[in-house]
Amino acid sequence: MIPAFPAPALALASAVPGAGAGSLQGPTQVPDYFARPVAANLAGLVFLFLVIAWWPACRALRSANPPESPWAQGGLRFLAIWLPCFVASVLVHLACRFVHAAPAVQPVLGQFAGGSPGQRILLAVCGIAISPVCEEVVFRKWLQDFLVRRTGLRAGIALTALVFVVLHLSWQAAPPLAILAVGLSIARIRTGSLIPCIVMHVLHNASVFLFLGLALAIQS
């Protein structure tokens, strides 16, 4: 039998805003992608990649000469933030299993699972290309800049993260969402640009659509 890594793999999917753990429920049943050994092993390899890439990414960001390109900054910061998000998601998943909590999912993911190919493409484009740009302008530029001016740096980041988490309406995804939000806020403060934030957010959202799309392809 091929060894599987269901717990890390479940967490990898649930680390996306609004995603839960296990078999996700929405307007339609979202398949349990990680119940399939091949899919679970693929997610395990992704987890291994994140572990390996985390330290070099952090080291590059903290070096005396970090990359000047905001695009490179965004990519490195995404690699640096994904592992903590992953660990938080694993813990949430284990806690949900322990208390037999019903999983939750953002409505858009349920609509993606039950939609036609054209609808899935449209939802993926909106979730990957449009939503991150809009959310970063609203949260990291308008809201965060306003709150930092009024309440100070730390309070402004904390309040921005709180609003970000609450508006995503998923208590199970709150821990990784909070880590993501703080990471995005730090990227905004340290680079002075929205581009790294947008790159991080795009890569983050793309991962869930990728895994969900693969789950649907394997199921069919």
N, C-alpha and C. Protein backbone atom coordinates (compact mmCIF):
# COMPACT_ATOMS: atom_id res chain seq x y z
N MET A 1 0.85 -1.21 0.00
CA MET A 1 0.00 0.00 0.00
C MET A 1 0.87 1.24 0.00
N ILE A 2 0.46 2.24 -0.75
CA ILE A 2 1.21 3.50 -0.80
C ILE A 2 0.96 4.26 0.49
N PRO A 3 2.01 4.72 1.21
CA PRO A 3 1.80 5.47 2.45
C PRO A 3 1.12 6.79 2.15
N ALA A 4 0.30 7.25 3.08
CA ALA A 4 -0.44 8.50 2.89
C ALA A 4 -0.15 9.43 4.06
N PHE A 5 -0.38 10.71 3.81
CA PHE A 5 -0.17 11.73 4.83
C PHE A 5 -1.43 12.58 4.95
N PRO A 6 -2.55 11.99 5.45
CA PRO A 6 -3.82 12.70 5.42
C PRO A 6 -3.87 13.94 6.29
N ALA A 7 -3.29 13.92 7.48
CA ALA A 7 -3.43 15.08 8.36
C ALA A 7 -2.75 16.32 7.79
N PRO A 8 -1.46 16.25 7.36
CA PRO A 8 -0.86 17.43 6.75
C PRO A 8 -1.58 17.87 5.49
N ALA A 9 -2.03 16.92 4.71
CA ALA A 9 -2.68 17.26 3.45
C ALA A 9 -4.00 17.97 3.70
N LEU A 10 -4.78 17.48 4.66
CA LEU A 10 -6.03 18.15 4.99
C LEU A 10 -5.77 19.58 5.42
N ALA A 11 -4.71 19.75 6.21
CA ALA A 11 -4.40 21.09 6.69
C ALA A 11 -3.98 22.00 5.56
N LEU A 12 -3.28 21.47 4.57
CA LEU A 12 -2.83 22.29 3.45
C LEU A 12 -4.01 22.93 2.74
N ALA A 13 -5.10 22.19 2.59
CA ALA A 13 -6.28 22.75 1.96
C ALA A 13 -7.01 23.71 2.89
N SER A 14 -7.06 23.39 4.18
CA SER A 14 -7.84 24.20 5.10
C SER A 14 -7.13 25.47 5.51
N ALA A 15 -5.87 25.65 5.08
CA ALA A 15 -5.16 26.87 5.41
C ALA A 15 -5.55 28.02 4.52
N VAL A 16 -6.48 27.84 3.66
CA VAL A 16 -6.96 28.89 2.78
C VAL A 16 -8.19 29.54 3.40
N PRO A 17 -8.33 30.86 3.32
CA PRO A 17 -9.45 31.54 3.96
C PRO A 17 -10.78 30.86 3.69
N GLY A 18 -11.48 30.52 4.76
CA GLY A 18 -12.82 29.96 4.67
C GLY A 18 -12.86 28.47 4.53
N ALA A 19 -11.72 27.82 4.34
CA ALA A 19 -11.76 26.37 4.16
C ALA A 19 -11.75 25.67 5.49
N GLY A 20 -12.40 24.54 5.57
CA GLY A 20 -12.41 23.75 6.79
C GLY A 20 -11.47 22.57 6.63
N ALA A 21 -11.71 21.49 7.34
CA ALA A 21 -10.87 20.31 7.27
C ALA A 21 -11.71 19.10 6.97
N GLY A 22 -11.12 18.13 6.29
CA GLY A 22 -11.85 16.91 5.99
C GLY A 22 -12.76 17.10 4.80
N SER A 23 -13.87 16.38 4.79
CA SER A 23 -14.85 16.52 3.72
C SER A 23 -15.59 17.83 3.90
N LEU A 24 -15.46 18.71 2.96
CA LEU A 24 -15.99 20.06 3.11
C LEU A 24 -17.43 20.13 2.63
N GLN A 25 -18.24 20.88 3.35
CA GLN A 25 -19.64 21.01 3.03
C GLN A 25 -19.93 22.39 2.47
N GLY A 26 -20.65 22.48 1.41
CA GLY A 26 -21.06 23.74 0.84
C GLY A 26 -22.39 23.52 0.16
N PRO A 27 -22.74 24.30 -0.86
CA PRO A 27 -23.95 24.04 -1.62
C PRO A 27 -23.97 22.64 -2.21
N THR A 28 -22.80 22.06 -2.40
CA THR A 28 -22.69 20.67 -2.84
C THR A 28 -21.56 20.02 -2.06
N GLN A 29 -21.52 18.70 -2.08
CA GLN A 29 -20.49 17.99 -1.33
C GLN A 29 -19.13 18.18 -1.99
N VAL A 30 -18.17 18.69 -1.24
CA VAL A 30 -16.81 18.83 -1.74
C VAL A 30 -16.07 17.55 -1.42
N PRO A 31 -15.42 16.91 -2.38
CA PRO A 31 -14.81 15.60 -2.14
C PRO A 31 -13.67 15.66 -1.14
N ASP A 32 -13.52 14.58 -0.41
CA ASP A 32 -12.41 14.44 0.52
C ASP A 32 -11.18 14.03 -0.29
N TYR A 33 -10.53 15.00 -0.81
CA TYR A 33 -9.39 14.80 -1.71
C TYR A 33 -8.32 13.91 -1.09
N PHE A 34 -8.12 14.08 0.21
CA PHE A 34 -7.00 13.44 0.86
C PHE A 34 -7.29 12.02 1.33
N ALA A 35 -8.51 11.53 1.06
CA ALA A 35 -8.79 10.13 1.34
C ALA A 35 -8.15 9.23 0.28
N ARG A 36 -7.77 9.81 -0.86
CA ARG A 36 -7.12 9.04 -1.92
C ARG A 36 -5.61 9.01 -1.66
N PRO A 37 -4.99 7.82 -1.58
CA PRO A 37 -3.56 7.74 -1.25
C PRO A 37 -2.67 8.57 -2.18
N VAL A 38 -2.95 8.51 -3.49
CA VAL A 38 -2.10 9.25 -4.43
C VAL A 38 -2.19 10.75 -4.15
N ALA A 39 -3.41 11.24 -3.93
CA ALA A 39 -3.59 12.66 -3.67
C ALA A 39 -2.98 13.06 -2.34
N ALA A 40 -3.15 12.21 -1.34
CA ALA A 40 -2.59 12.50 -0.03
C ALA A 40 -1.06 12.54 -0.08
N ASN A 41 -0.48 11.62 -0.84
CA ASN A 41 0.97 11.61 -0.97
C ASN A 41 1.48 12.85 -1.71
N LEU A 42 0.72 13.29 -2.70
CA LEU A 42 1.09 14.51 -3.41
C LEU A 42 1.10 15.70 -2.45
N ALA A 43 0.07 15.79 -1.61
CA ALA A 43 0.02 16.87 -0.63
C ALA A 43 1.15 16.73 0.38
N GLY A 44 1.50 15.49 0.72
CA GLY A 44 2.63 15.28 1.62
C GLY A 44 3.93 15.78 1.02
N LEU A 45 4.10 15.60 -0.28
CA LEU A 45 5.29 16.12 -0.94
C LEU A 45 5.31 17.65 -0.93
N VAL A 46 4.12 18.24 -1.10
CA VAL A 46 4.04 19.70 -1.03
C VAL A 46 4.43 20.18 0.36
N PHE A 47 3.95 19.47 1.38
CA PHE A 47 4.31 19.81 2.75
C PHE A 47 5.82 19.71 2.96
N LEU A 48 6.44 18.65 2.43
CA LEU A 48 7.88 18.49 2.54
C LEU A 48 8.61 19.63 1.85
N PHE A 49 8.10 20.06 0.70
CA PHE A 49 8.69 21.19 -0.01
C PHE A 49 8.61 22.45 0.85
N LEU A 50 7.47 22.67 1.51
CA LEU A 50 7.31 23.85 2.36
C LEU A 50 8.31 23.83 3.51
N VAL A 51 8.51 22.66 4.10
CA VAL A 51 9.48 22.55 5.19
C VAL A 51 10.88 22.89 4.71
N ILE A 52 11.23 22.36 3.53
CA ILE A 52 12.57 22.60 2.99
C ILE A 52 12.75 24.07 2.57
N ALA A 53 11.71 24.67 2.02
CA ALA A 53 11.82 26.02 1.48
C ALA A 53 11.70 27.10 2.55
N TRP A 54 11.16 26.76 3.72
CA TRP A 54 10.87 27.78 4.73
C TRP A 54 12.12 28.50 5.21
N TRP A 55 13.16 27.76 5.60
CA TRP A 55 14.34 28.39 6.15
C TRP A 55 15.09 29.23 5.12
N PRO A 56 15.35 28.75 3.90
CA PRO A 56 16.01 29.61 2.91
C PRO A 56 15.22 30.89 2.62
N ALA A 57 13.89 30.78 2.59
CA ALA A 57 13.08 31.97 2.34
C ALA A 57 13.24 32.98 3.47
N CYS A 58 13.17 32.51 4.71
CA CYS A 58 13.34 33.40 5.86
C CYS A 58 14.74 34.01 5.88
N ARG A 59 15.73 33.20 5.56
CA ARG A 59 17.11 33.68 5.55
C ARG A 59 17.32 34.75 4.50
N ALA A 60 16.74 34.55 3.32
CA ALA A 60 16.87 35.54 2.25
C ALA A 60 16.21 36.86 2.64
N LEU A 61 15.07 36.78 3.31
CA LEU A 61 14.36 37.99 3.71
C LEU A 61 15.09 38.75 4.81
N ARG A 62 15.82 38.03 5.65
CA ARG A 62 16.51 38.66 6.78
C ARG A 62 17.97 38.98 6.48
N SER A 63 18.42 38.70 5.28
CA SER A 63 19.81 38.96 4.94
C SER A 63 20.07 40.45 4.83
N ALA A 64 21.35 40.79 4.75
CA ALA A 64 21.72 42.21 4.65
C ALA A 64 21.27 42.80 3.33
N ASN A 65 21.16 41.98 2.31
CA ASN A 65 20.73 42.45 0.99
C ASN A 65 19.54 41.62 0.50
N PRO A 66 18.35 41.85 1.08
CA PRO A 66 17.18 41.10 0.63
C PRO A 66 16.81 41.49 -0.79
N PRO A 67 16.07 40.65 -1.50
CA PRO A 67 15.67 40.98 -2.88
C PRO A 67 14.91 42.31 -2.93
N GLU A 68 15.25 43.13 -3.89
CA GLU A 68 14.58 44.42 -4.02
C GLU A 68 13.27 44.31 -4.79
N SER A 69 13.16 43.32 -5.63
CA SER A 69 11.94 43.16 -6.42
C SER A 69 10.75 42.83 -5.52
N PRO A 70 9.67 43.60 -5.61
CA PRO A 70 8.49 43.29 -4.80
C PRO A 70 7.87 41.95 -5.16
N TRP A 71 8.07 41.51 -6.40
CA TRP A 71 7.55 40.21 -6.82
C TRP A 71 8.32 39.10 -6.12
N ALA A 72 9.66 39.23 -6.05
CA ALA A 72 10.47 38.24 -5.34
C ALA A 72 10.16 38.28 -3.85
N GLN A 73 9.96 39.47 -3.32
CA GLN A 73 9.58 39.60 -1.91
C GLN A 73 8.29 38.86 -1.62
N GLY A 74 7.32 39.02 -2.52
CA GLY A 74 6.04 38.35 -2.34
C GLY A 74 6.18 36.83 -2.35
N GLY A 75 6.98 36.32 -3.30
CA GLY A 75 7.18 34.88 -3.38
C GLY A 75 7.88 34.33 -2.16
N LEU A 76 8.92 35.01 -1.70
CA LEU A 76 9.65 34.55 -0.52
C LEU A 76 8.79 34.63 0.74
N ARG A 77 8.04 35.69 0.85
CA ARG A 77 7.17 35.85 2.03
C ARG A 77 6.04 34.82 2.02
N PHE A 78 5.59 34.44 0.83
CA PHE A 78 4.59 33.39 0.75
C PHE A 78 5.17 32.08 1.28
N LEU A 79 6.39 31.73 0.86
CA LEU A 79 7.02 30.51 1.34
C LEU A 79 7.25 30.57 2.85
N ALA A 80 7.57 31.75 3.36
CA ALA A 80 7.83 31.89 4.78
C ALA A 80 6.56 31.77 5.62
N ILE A 81 5.44 32.23 5.08
CA ILE A 81 4.20 32.25 5.85
C ILE A 81 3.41 30.97 5.74
N TRP A 82 3.64 30.19 4.67
CA TRP A 82 2.82 29.01 4.45
C TRP A 82 3.05 27.92 5.49
N LEU A 83 4.27 27.73 5.93
CA LEU A 83 4.53 26.67 6.91
C LEU A 83 3.81 26.94 8.24
N PRO A 84 3.90 28.15 8.81
CA PRO A 84 3.11 28.41 10.02
C PRO A 84 1.61 28.24 9.80
N CYS A 85 1.11 28.66 8.64
CA CYS A 85 -0.30 28.45 8.32
C CYS A 85 -0.63 26.97 8.28
N PHE A 86 0.27 26.20 7.71
CA PHE A 86 0.08 24.76 7.60
C PHE A 86 0.00 24.12 8.98
N VAL A 87 0.95 24.47 9.85
CA VAL A 87 0.97 23.91 11.20
C VAL A 87 -0.30 24.28 11.95
N ALA A 88 -0.73 25.52 11.84
CA ALA A 88 -1.96 25.95 12.50
C ALA A 88 -3.14 25.15 11.99
N SER A 89 -3.17 24.88 10.69
CA SER A 89 -4.27 24.12 10.11
C SER A 89 -4.27 22.67 10.57
N VAL A 90 -3.08 22.09 10.72
CA VAL A 90 -2.99 20.72 11.25
C VAL A 90 -3.60 20.66 12.64
N LEU A 91 -3.25 21.64 13.48
CA LEU A 91 -3.77 21.65 14.84
C LEU A 91 -5.29 21.83 14.85
N VAL A 92 -5.79 22.70 13.98
CA VAL A 92 -7.24 22.90 13.89
C VAL A 92 -7.92 21.61 13.43
N HIS A 93 -7.33 20.97 12.44
CA HIS A 93 -7.90 19.72 11.93
C HIS A 93 -7.96 18.66 13.02
N LEU A 94 -6.87 18.51 13.78
CA LEU A 94 -6.84 17.51 14.85
C LEU A 94 -7.86 17.84 15.93
N ALA A 95 -8.00 19.13 16.23
CA ALA A 95 -8.99 19.53 17.23
C ALA A 95 -10.40 19.23 16.76
N CYS A 96 -10.68 19.48 15.48
CA CYS A 96 -12.01 19.20 14.93
C CYS A 96 -12.30 17.70 14.95
N ARG A 97 -11.29 16.90 14.63
CA ARG A 97 -11.47 15.45 14.69
C ARG A 97 -11.76 15.00 16.12
N PHE A 98 -11.07 15.61 17.07
CA PHE A 98 -11.21 15.21 18.48
C PHE A 98 -12.61 15.51 19.01
N VAL A 99 -13.15 16.69 18.64
CA VAL A 99 -14.48 17.08 19.17
C VAL A 99 -15.59 16.76 18.18
N HIS A 100 -15.26 16.10 17.07
CA HIS A 100 -16.25 15.72 16.06
C HIS A 100 -17.00 16.94 15.52
N ALA A 101 -16.26 18.02 15.30
CA ALA A 101 -16.88 19.25 14.79
C ALA A 101 -17.16 19.10 13.30
N ALA A 102 -18.29 19.64 12.88
CA ALA A 102 -18.65 19.61 11.47
C ALA A 102 -17.75 20.55 10.70
N PRO A 103 -17.18 20.10 9.58
CA PRO A 103 -16.32 20.98 8.78
C PRO A 103 -17.12 22.09 8.12
N ALA A 104 -16.42 23.12 7.75
CA ALA A 104 -17.05 24.28 7.12
C ALA A 104 -16.28 24.65 5.87
N VAL A 105 -16.92 25.37 4.98
CA VAL A 105 -16.27 25.77 3.75
C VAL A 105 -16.88 27.08 3.27
N GLN A 106 -16.06 27.89 2.65
CA GLN A 106 -16.59 29.12 2.06
C GLN A 106 -17.57 28.77 0.95
N PRO A 107 -18.67 29.53 0.83
CA PRO A 107 -19.65 29.21 -0.22
C PRO A 107 -19.06 29.11 -1.61
N VAL A 108 -18.07 29.94 -1.91
CA VAL A 108 -17.50 29.93 -3.26
C VAL A 108 -16.86 28.59 -3.57
N LEU A 109 -16.31 27.92 -2.56
CA LEU A 109 -15.68 26.62 -2.81
C LEU A 109 -16.73 25.54 -3.07
N GLY A 110 -17.85 25.63 -2.36
CA GLY A 110 -18.94 24.71 -2.64
C GLY A 110 -19.52 24.93 -4.02
N GLN A 111 -19.63 26.20 -4.41
CA GLN A 111 -20.12 26.52 -5.75
C GLN A 111 -19.14 26.04 -6.81
N PHE A 112 -17.85 26.14 -6.52
CA PHE A 112 -16.83 25.65 -7.44
C PHE A 112 -16.96 24.14 -7.63
N ALA A 113 -17.18 23.42 -6.52
CA ALA A 113 -17.28 21.97 -6.59
C ALA A 113 -18.50 21.52 -7.38
N GLY A 114 -19.61 22.27 -7.28
CA GLY A 114 -20.84 21.85 -7.96
C GLY A 114 -21.10 22.54 -9.27
N GLY A 115 -20.17 23.38 -9.71
CA GLY A 115 -20.40 24.15 -10.92
C GLY A 115 -19.97 23.44 -12.19
N SER A 116 -20.37 24.02 -13.29
CA SER A 116 -19.94 23.52 -14.59
C SER A 116 -18.49 23.93 -14.84
N PRO A 117 -17.83 23.35 -15.85
CA PRO A 117 -16.44 23.76 -16.13
C PRO A 117 -16.30 25.27 -16.33
N GLY A 118 -17.25 25.88 -17.04
CA GLY A 118 -17.18 27.32 -17.24
C GLY A 118 -17.32 28.09 -15.95
N GLN A 119 -18.23 27.63 -15.08
CA GLN A 119 -18.41 28.30 -13.79
C GLN A 119 -17.17 28.14 -12.92
N ARG A 120 -16.55 26.97 -12.99
CA ARG A 120 -15.34 26.75 -12.19
C ARG A 120 -14.21 27.67 -12.64
N ILE A 121 -14.08 27.83 -13.94
CA ILE A 121 -13.04 28.74 -14.46
C ILE A 121 -13.30 30.16 -13.98
N LEU A 122 -14.56 30.59 -14.06
CA LEU A 122 -14.90 31.95 -13.64
C LEU A 122 -14.64 32.15 -12.16
N LEU A 123 -15.05 31.19 -11.34
CA LEU A 123 -14.83 31.30 -9.90
C LEU A 123 -13.34 31.28 -9.56
N ALA A 124 -12.57 30.44 -10.25
CA ALA A 124 -11.14 30.39 -10.00
C ALA A 124 -10.46 31.70 -10.38
N VAL A 125 -10.85 32.27 -11.51
CA VAL A 125 -10.28 33.55 -11.93
C VAL A 125 -10.59 34.64 -10.92
N CYS A 126 -11.85 34.66 -10.46
CA CYS A 126 -12.24 35.67 -9.47
C CYS A 126 -11.49 35.47 -8.16
N GLY A 127 -11.39 34.21 -7.71
CA GLY A 127 -10.76 33.93 -6.44
C GLY A 127 -9.25 34.09 -6.45
N ILE A 128 -8.63 33.88 -7.61
CA ILE A 128 -7.17 33.94 -7.68
C ILE A 128 -6.67 35.29 -8.17
N ALA A 129 -7.33 35.86 -9.16
CA ALA A 129 -6.81 37.08 -9.79
C ALA A 129 -7.49 38.36 -9.33
N ILE A 130 -8.76 38.30 -8.97
CA ILE A 130 -9.50 39.52 -8.66
C ILE A 130 -9.62 39.75 -7.16
N SER A 131 -10.07 38.73 -6.44
CA SER A 131 -10.29 38.87 -5.00
C SER A 131 -9.04 39.30 -4.24
N PRO A 132 -7.85 38.70 -4.47
CA PRO A 132 -6.67 39.14 -3.73
C PRO A 132 -6.33 40.61 -3.94
N VAL A 133 -6.47 41.08 -5.17
CA VAL A 133 -6.17 42.48 -5.45
C VAL A 133 -7.13 43.39 -4.70
N CYS A 134 -8.41 43.09 -4.79
CA CYS A 134 -9.42 43.92 -4.11
C CYS A 134 -9.23 43.89 -2.60
N GLU A 135 -9.01 42.70 -2.06
CA GLU A 135 -8.87 42.58 -0.61
C GLU A 135 -7.62 43.28 -0.10
N GLU A 136 -6.54 43.21 -0.85
CA GLU A 136 -5.32 43.88 -0.39
C GLU A 136 -5.46 45.40 -0.43
N VAL A 137 -6.14 45.90 -1.43
CA VAL A 137 -6.40 47.35 -1.48
C VAL A 137 -7.26 47.77 -0.29
N VAL A 138 -8.30 47.01 -0.01
CA VAL A 138 -9.23 47.36 1.07
C VAL A 138 -8.57 47.18 2.44
N PHE A 139 -7.97 46.01 2.67
CA PHE A 139 -7.47 45.69 4.01
C PHE A 139 -6.10 46.29 4.29
N ARG A 140 -5.15 46.04 3.41
CA ARG A 140 -3.78 46.46 3.71
C ARG A 140 -3.50 47.90 3.36
N LYS A 141 -4.18 48.47 2.36
CA LYS A 141 -3.93 49.86 2.00
C LYS A 141 -4.87 50.81 2.75
N TRP A 142 -6.15 50.67 2.55
CA TRP A 142 -7.10 51.60 3.15
C TRP A 142 -7.25 51.38 4.65
N LEU A 143 -7.67 50.17 5.04
CA LEU A 143 -7.96 49.93 6.45
C LEU A 143 -6.71 49.95 7.31
N GLN A 144 -5.69 49.21 6.92
CA GLN A 144 -4.49 49.15 7.76
C GLN A 144 -3.80 50.49 7.87
N ASP A 145 -3.64 51.19 6.76
CA ASP A 145 -2.98 52.49 6.83
C ASP A 145 -3.76 53.44 7.74
N PHE A 146 -5.09 53.40 7.66
CA PHE A 146 -5.92 54.25 8.51
C PHE A 146 -5.76 53.88 9.98
N LEU A 147 -5.82 52.56 10.28
CA LEU A 147 -5.75 52.12 11.67
C LEU A 147 -4.36 52.35 12.26
N VAL A 148 -3.31 52.16 11.47
CA VAL A 148 -1.96 52.39 11.96
C VAL A 148 -1.77 53.86 12.32
N ARG A 149 -2.31 54.76 11.51
CA ARG A 149 -2.21 56.18 11.82
C ARG A 149 -2.97 56.54 13.09
N ARG A 150 -4.10 55.89 13.32
CA ARG A 150 -4.95 56.24 14.46
C ARG A 150 -4.57 55.51 15.74
N THR A 151 -4.10 54.27 15.65
CA THR A 151 -3.89 53.46 16.86
C THR A 151 -2.45 53.02 17.07
N GLY A 152 -1.58 53.23 16.11
CA GLY A 152 -0.21 52.76 16.22
C GLY A 152 0.01 51.50 15.40
N LEU A 153 1.28 51.12 15.24
CA LEU A 153 1.63 50.03 14.34
C LEU A 153 1.06 48.69 14.77
N ARG A 154 1.36 48.27 16.00
CA ARG A 154 0.93 46.94 16.43
C ARG A 154 -0.58 46.83 16.53
N ALA A 155 -1.21 47.82 17.10
CA ALA A 155 -2.67 47.79 17.22
C ALA A 155 -3.32 47.82 15.84
N GLY A 156 -2.75 48.61 14.94
CA GLY A 156 -3.31 48.69 13.59
C GLY A 156 -3.24 47.36 12.86
N ILE A 157 -2.09 46.67 12.99
CA ILE A 157 -1.94 45.35 12.37
C ILE A 157 -2.91 44.35 13.00
N ALA A 158 -3.01 44.38 14.34
CA ALA A 158 -3.89 43.44 15.03
C ALA A 158 -5.35 43.66 14.66
N LEU A 159 -5.78 44.91 14.61
CA LEU A 159 -7.17 45.20 14.26
C LEU A 159 -7.47 44.84 12.81
N THR A 160 -6.52 45.10 11.93
CA THR A 160 -6.71 44.72 10.52
C THR A 160 -6.86 43.22 10.38
N ALA A 161 -6.00 42.48 11.09
CA ALA A 161 -6.08 41.01 11.04
C ALA A 161 -7.41 40.53 11.61
N LEU A 162 -7.88 41.16 12.68
CA LEU A 162 -9.15 40.76 13.29
C LEU A 162 -10.31 40.96 12.31
N VAL A 163 -10.36 42.10 11.67
CA VAL A 163 -11.43 42.37 10.70
C VAL A 163 -11.34 41.38 9.53
N PHE A 164 -10.14 41.13 9.06
CA PHE A 164 -9.91 40.20 7.95
C PHE A 164 -10.45 38.81 8.29
N VAL A 165 -10.14 38.34 9.49
CA VAL A 165 -10.57 37.00 9.92
C VAL A 165 -12.09 36.95 10.08
N VAL A 166 -12.65 37.95 10.74
CA VAL A 166 -14.09 37.95 11.01
C VAL A 166 -14.89 37.97 9.71
N LEU A 167 -14.47 38.75 8.74
CA LEU A 167 -15.23 38.89 7.50
C LEU A 167 -15.13 37.65 6.61
N HIS A 168 -14.22 36.76 6.90
CA HIS A 168 -14.15 35.51 6.12
C HIS A 168 -15.08 34.44 6.68
N LEU A 169 -15.67 34.68 7.83
CA LEU A 169 -16.79 33.86 8.34
C LEU A 169 -16.46 32.38 8.43
N SER A 170 -15.32 32.04 8.96
CA SER A 170 -14.97 30.63 9.14
C SER A 170 -14.13 30.50 10.40
N TRP A 171 -14.76 30.06 11.50
CA TRP A 171 -14.02 29.96 12.75
C TRP A 171 -12.94 28.89 12.68
N GLN A 172 -13.16 27.84 11.90
CA GLN A 172 -12.16 26.79 11.80
C GLN A 172 -10.90 27.27 11.09
N ALA A 173 -11.05 28.21 10.20
CA ALA A 173 -9.89 28.72 9.47
C ALA A 173 -9.29 29.95 10.14
N ALA A 174 -9.82 30.34 11.30
CA ALA A 174 -9.36 31.57 11.95
C ALA A 174 -7.87 31.55 12.29
N PRO A 175 -7.31 30.48 12.86
CA PRO A 175 -5.87 30.52 13.19
C PRO A 175 -4.97 30.73 11.98
N PRO A 176 -5.09 29.90 10.90
CA PRO A 176 -4.22 30.18 9.74
C PRO A 176 -4.55 31.50 9.07
N LEU A 177 -5.83 31.91 9.11
CA LEU A 177 -6.19 33.20 8.54
C LEU A 177 -5.50 34.34 9.28
N ALA A 178 -5.45 34.23 10.60
CA ALA A 178 -4.80 35.28 11.40
C ALA A 178 -3.31 35.36 11.08
N ILE A 179 -2.67 34.19 10.93
CA ILE A 179 -1.25 34.17 10.58
C ILE A 179 -1.04 34.79 9.21
N LEU A 180 -1.89 34.43 8.26
CA LEU A 180 -1.79 35.00 6.92
C LEU A 180 -1.97 36.51 6.96
N ALA A 181 -2.99 36.97 7.70
CA ALA A 181 -3.27 38.41 7.75
C ALA A 181 -2.11 39.19 8.34
N VAL A 182 -1.51 38.67 9.42
CA VAL A 182 -0.37 39.35 10.02
C VAL A 182 0.82 39.35 9.06
N GLY A 183 1.03 38.22 8.38
CA GLY A 183 2.12 38.16 7.40
C GLY A 183 1.93 39.15 6.27
N LEU A 184 0.71 39.31 5.80
CA LEU A 184 0.42 40.29 4.75
C LEU A 184 0.65 41.70 5.26
N SER A 185 0.24 41.96 6.50
CA SER A 185 0.42 43.30 7.07
C SER A 185 1.90 43.64 7.23
N ILE A 186 2.68 42.66 7.69
CA ILE A 186 4.12 42.89 7.84
C ILE A 186 4.76 43.15 6.48
N ALA A 187 4.33 42.41 5.47
CA ALA A 187 4.87 42.64 4.12
C ALA A 187 4.57 44.05 3.66
N ARG A 188 3.38 44.53 3.94
CA ARG A 188 2.98 45.89 3.56
C ARG A 188 3.84 46.93 4.28
N ILE A 189 4.07 46.72 5.57
CA ILE A 189 4.83 47.68 6.36
C ILE A 189 6.30 47.69 5.94
N ARG A 190 6.89 46.52 5.77
CA ARG A 190 8.34 46.44 5.52
C ARG A 190 8.73 46.79 4.10
N THR A 191 7.84 46.56 3.16
CA THR A 191 8.18 46.86 1.76
C THR A 191 7.58 48.18 1.30
N GLY A 192 6.52 48.64 1.96
CA GLY A 192 5.85 49.86 1.54
C GLY A 192 5.09 49.71 0.25
N SER A 193 4.87 48.46 -0.17
CA SER A 193 4.20 48.20 -1.44
C SER A 193 3.11 47.16 -1.24
N LEU A 194 2.09 47.23 -2.09
CA LEU A 194 1.04 46.23 -2.07
C LEU A 194 1.37 45.01 -2.93
N ILE A 195 2.35 45.13 -3.81
CA ILE A 195 2.65 44.03 -4.73
C ILE A 195 3.04 42.75 -3.99
N PRO A 196 3.94 42.79 -2.97
CA PRO A 196 4.24 41.55 -2.25
C PRO A 196 3.00 40.95 -1.59
N CYS A 197 2.13 41.79 -1.07
CA CYS A 197 0.90 41.31 -0.43
C CYS A 197 0.01 40.62 -1.45
N ILE A 198 -0.12 41.23 -2.61
CA ILE A 198 -0.97 40.66 -3.66
C ILE A 198 -0.40 39.33 -4.15
N VAL A 199 0.93 39.27 -4.33
CA VAL A 199 1.57 38.03 -4.76
C VAL A 199 1.33 36.93 -3.74
N MET A 200 1.51 37.24 -2.46
CA MET A 200 1.28 36.26 -1.40
C MET A 200 -0.16 35.77 -1.41
N HIS A 201 -1.07 36.70 -1.54
CA HIS A 201 -2.50 36.38 -1.49
C HIS A 201 -2.92 35.55 -2.70
N VAL A 202 -2.39 35.91 -3.87
CA VAL A 202 -2.70 35.17 -5.09
C VAL A 202 -2.22 33.72 -4.97
N LEU A 203 -0.98 33.53 -4.54
CA LEU A 203 -0.44 32.18 -4.40
C LEU A 203 -1.21 31.39 -3.36
N HIS A 204 -1.59 32.06 -2.30
CA HIS A 204 -2.35 31.40 -1.22
C HIS A 204 -3.70 30.91 -1.73
N ASN A 205 -4.44 31.79 -2.40
CA ASN A 205 -5.76 31.40 -2.91
C ASN A 205 -5.65 30.37 -4.05
N ALA A 206 -4.60 30.51 -4.85
CA ALA A 206 -4.44 29.56 -5.96
C ALA A 206 -4.26 28.14 -5.45
N SER A 207 -3.63 27.98 -4.31
CA SER A 207 -3.37 26.64 -3.79
C SER A 207 -4.66 25.90 -3.50
N VAL A 208 -5.66 26.57 -2.94
CA VAL A 208 -6.89 25.87 -2.59
C VAL A 208 -7.67 25.47 -3.85
N PHE A 209 -7.70 26.34 -4.84
CA PHE A 209 -8.38 25.98 -6.08
C PHE A 209 -7.65 24.85 -6.79
N LEU A 210 -6.32 24.84 -6.70
CA LEU A 210 -5.55 23.76 -7.31
C LEU A 210 -5.88 22.43 -6.65
N PHE A 211 -5.85 22.39 -5.32
CA PHE A 211 -6.12 21.14 -4.62
C PHE A 211 -7.56 20.71 -4.79
N LEU A 212 -8.49 21.66 -4.77
CA LEU A 212 -9.89 21.29 -4.95
C LEU A 212 -10.14 20.81 -6.38
N GLY A 213 -9.51 21.46 -7.35
CA GLY A 213 -9.65 21.00 -8.73
C GLY A 213 -9.11 19.60 -8.94
N LEU A 214 -7.96 19.31 -8.32
CA LEU A 214 -7.40 17.97 -8.41
C LEU A 214 -8.31 16.95 -7.72
N ALA A 215 -8.91 17.38 -6.60
CA ALA A 215 -9.82 16.48 -5.90
C ALA A 215 -11.01 16.11 -6.78
N LEU A 216 -11.57 17.07 -7.47
CA LEU A 216 -12.71 16.82 -8.34
C LEU A 216 -12.30 15.97 -9.53
N ALA A 217 -11.10 16.20 -10.05
CA ALA A 217 -10.63 15.41 -11.19
C ALA A 217 -10.42 13.96 -10.78
N ILE A 218 -9.87 13.73 -9.59
CA ILE A 218 -9.64 12.36 -9.13
C ILE A 218 -10.96 11.66 -8.85
N GLN A 219 -11.91 12.40 -8.28
CA GLN A 219 -13.22 11.82 -7.97
C GLN A 219 -13.96 11.39 -9.22
N SER A 220 -13.86 12.20 -10.28
CA SER A 220 -14.57 11.89 -11.50
C SER A 220 -13.85 10.82 -12.34
